Amino acid sequence: MKNLYVGNLPHSTTETELRSMFEAHGAVEKVTIVTDRDTGRSRGFGFVEMTNASEADRAVAALNGTDLGRRTLTINEAKPKSERPRGGGRRFAGGDGRARDDYRGHPRQPREPRW
């Protein structure tokens, strides 16, 4: 079993179209087109799960870089989603208690008095 990432899909692509494209190269287990949670519109990428790894490799070799709806497809083996912290990431600086002296890892040099 091999999961393939299919990127740069036209937003009008259906799962049926994607399945038929890959079935020409081997047995397809599952097809998923990722959609926006709020709008339901395609996000322009999806996943195709193929039962046979060698057929999946042949499909990648044959379809990567081909055009679909005037878009060049990017197809490769899907990588597992990396673990990332949920929610608590800091996006804005301010009030974290650190002094400004550690800016970019270089301590500030004391300045001469102006008088």
Protein backbone atom coordinates (compact mmCIF):
# COMPACT_ATOMS: atom_id res chain seq x y z
CA MET A 1 0.00 0.00 0.00
CA LYS A 2 1.40 3.40 -0.99
CA ASN A 3 -0.10 6.85 -0.43
CA LEU A 4 0.63 9.46 -3.11
CA TYR A 5 0.39 13.24 -2.85
CA VAL A 6 -1.12 14.97 -5.89
CA GLY A 7 -0.52 18.73 -5.93
CA ASN A 8 -1.47 21.68 -8.13
CA LEU A 9 -4.85 20.20 -8.99
CA PRO A 10 -7.40 22.40 -10.76
CA HIS A 11 -10.12 23.31 -8.28
CA SER A 12 -12.71 21.70 -10.56
CA THR A 13 -11.11 18.22 -10.41
CA THR A 14 -13.36 15.50 -9.01
CA GLU A 15 -12.34 12.36 -7.13
CA THR A 16 -13.75 10.29 -10.01
CA GLU A 17 -11.48 12.05 -12.53
CA LEU A 18 -8.45 11.55 -10.30
CA ARG A 19 -9.30 7.88 -9.73
CA SER A 20 -9.63 7.17 -13.46
CA MET A 21 -6.32 8.91 -14.14
CA PHE A 22 -4.47 6.67 -11.66
CA GLU A 23 -6.37 3.44 -12.42
CA ALA A 24 -4.70 3.42 -15.83
CA HIS A 25 -1.48 2.56 -13.92
CA GLY A 26 -2.80 0.15 -11.26
CA ALA A 27 -5.37 -0.60 -8.59
CA VAL A 28 -6.55 2.42 -6.60
CA GLU A 29 -7.73 1.87 -3.04
CA LYS A 30 -8.83 5.38 -2.05
CA VAL A 31 -8.93 8.92 -3.50
CA THR A 32 -9.26 12.06 -1.39
CA ILE A 33 -9.35 15.67 -2.58
CA VAL A 34 -8.70 18.05 0.31
CA THR A 35 -11.31 20.79 0.66
CA ASP A 36 -11.45 24.02 2.62
CA ARG A 37 -13.26 23.55 5.93
CA ASP A 38 -15.23 26.80 5.64
CA THR A 39 -16.07 27.05 1.93
CA GLY A 40 -16.00 23.39 0.87
CA ARG A 41 -13.93 24.38 -2.17
CA SER A 42 -10.98 22.24 -3.26
CA ARG A 43 -7.64 23.37 -1.84
CA GLY A 44 -5.84 22.21 -4.99
CA PHE A 45 -4.28 19.01 -3.70
CA GLY A 46 -5.27 15.48 -2.77
CA PHE A 47 -4.12 11.97 -2.03
CA VAL A 48 -4.35 8.71 -3.95
CA GLU A 49 -3.80 5.43 -2.11
CA MET A 50 -2.67 2.58 -4.37
CA THR A 51 -2.59 -1.06 -3.29
CA ASN A 52 0.62 -2.05 -5.08
CA ALA A 53 3.82 -0.05 -4.38
CA SER A 54 5.43 -0.80 -7.76
CA GLU A 55 2.27 0.30 -9.61
CA ALA A 56 2.28 3.48 -7.51
CA ASP A 57 5.90 4.15 -8.49
CA ARG A 58 5.01 3.67 -12.16
CA ALA A 59 2.07 6.08 -11.77
CA VAL A 60 4.35 8.72 -10.22
CA ALA A 61 6.86 8.29 -13.06
CA ALA A 62 4.15 8.52 -15.70
CA LEU A 63 1.97 11.32 -14.27
CA ASN A 64 4.35 13.66 -12.42
CA GLY A 65 4.71 16.85 -14.48
CA THR A 66 1.73 16.13 -16.74
CA ASP A 67 -0.94 18.75 -17.40
CA LEU A 68 -4.49 18.62 -16.11
CA GLY A 69 -6.72 21.59 -16.79
CA ARG A 70 -3.74 23.77 -17.82
CA ARG A 71 -1.94 23.00 -14.54
CA THR A 72 1.24 20.96 -14.15
CA LEU A 73 0.67 18.21 -11.59
CA THR A 74 3.12 17.48 -8.79
CA ILE A 75 2.96 13.84 -7.75
CA ASN A 76 5.16 12.11 -5.19
CA GLU A 77 4.98 9.78 -2.24
CA ALA A 78 3.03 11.36 0.62
CA LYS A 79 5.01 12.03 3.76
CA PRO A 80 3.35 11.59 7.16
CA LYS A 81 2.17 14.81 8.77
CA SER A 82 4.78 15.99 11.25
CA GLU A 83 3.88 16.52 14.87
CA ARG A 84 3.26 20.16 15.54
CA PRO A 85 2.02 21.93 18.64
CA ARG A 86 -1.66 22.83 18.59
CA GLY A 87 -2.69 26.34 19.47
CA GLY A 88 -0.05 27.67 21.84
CA GLY A 89 2.40 29.00 19.26
CA ARG A 90 3.57 32.58 19.73
CA ARG A 91 2.98 34.76 16.73
CA PHE A 92 3.55 38.20 18.21
CA ALA A 93 6.44 39.40 20.32
CA GLY A 94 5.70 41.14 23.54
CA GLY A 95 5.59 40.53 27.22
CA ASP A 96 7.42 37.23 27.24
CA GLY A 97 9.80 38.38 29.99
CA ARG A 98 13.02 38.20 27.98
CA ALA A 99 15.31 41.18 27.76
CA ARG A 100 16.07 42.72 24.38
CA ASP A 101 19.77 41.99 24.97
CA ASP A 102 19.47 38.55 23.42
CA TYR A 103 18.42 39.92 20.02
CA ARG A 104 19.76 37.57 17.35
CA GLY A 105 22.03 35.95 19.88
CA HIS A 106 24.36 38.95 20.16
CA PRO A 107 24.44 40.81 23.48
CA ARG A 108 24.21 44.59 23.21
CA GLN A 109 27.40 46.47 23.89
CA PRO A 110 27.25 49.25 26.50
CA ARG A 111 27.33 52.71 24.90
CA GLU A 112 29.42 55.69 25.88
CA PRO A 113 27.51 58.43 27.65
CA ARG A 114 26.54 61.36 25.41
CA TRP A 115 27.92 64.10 27.69
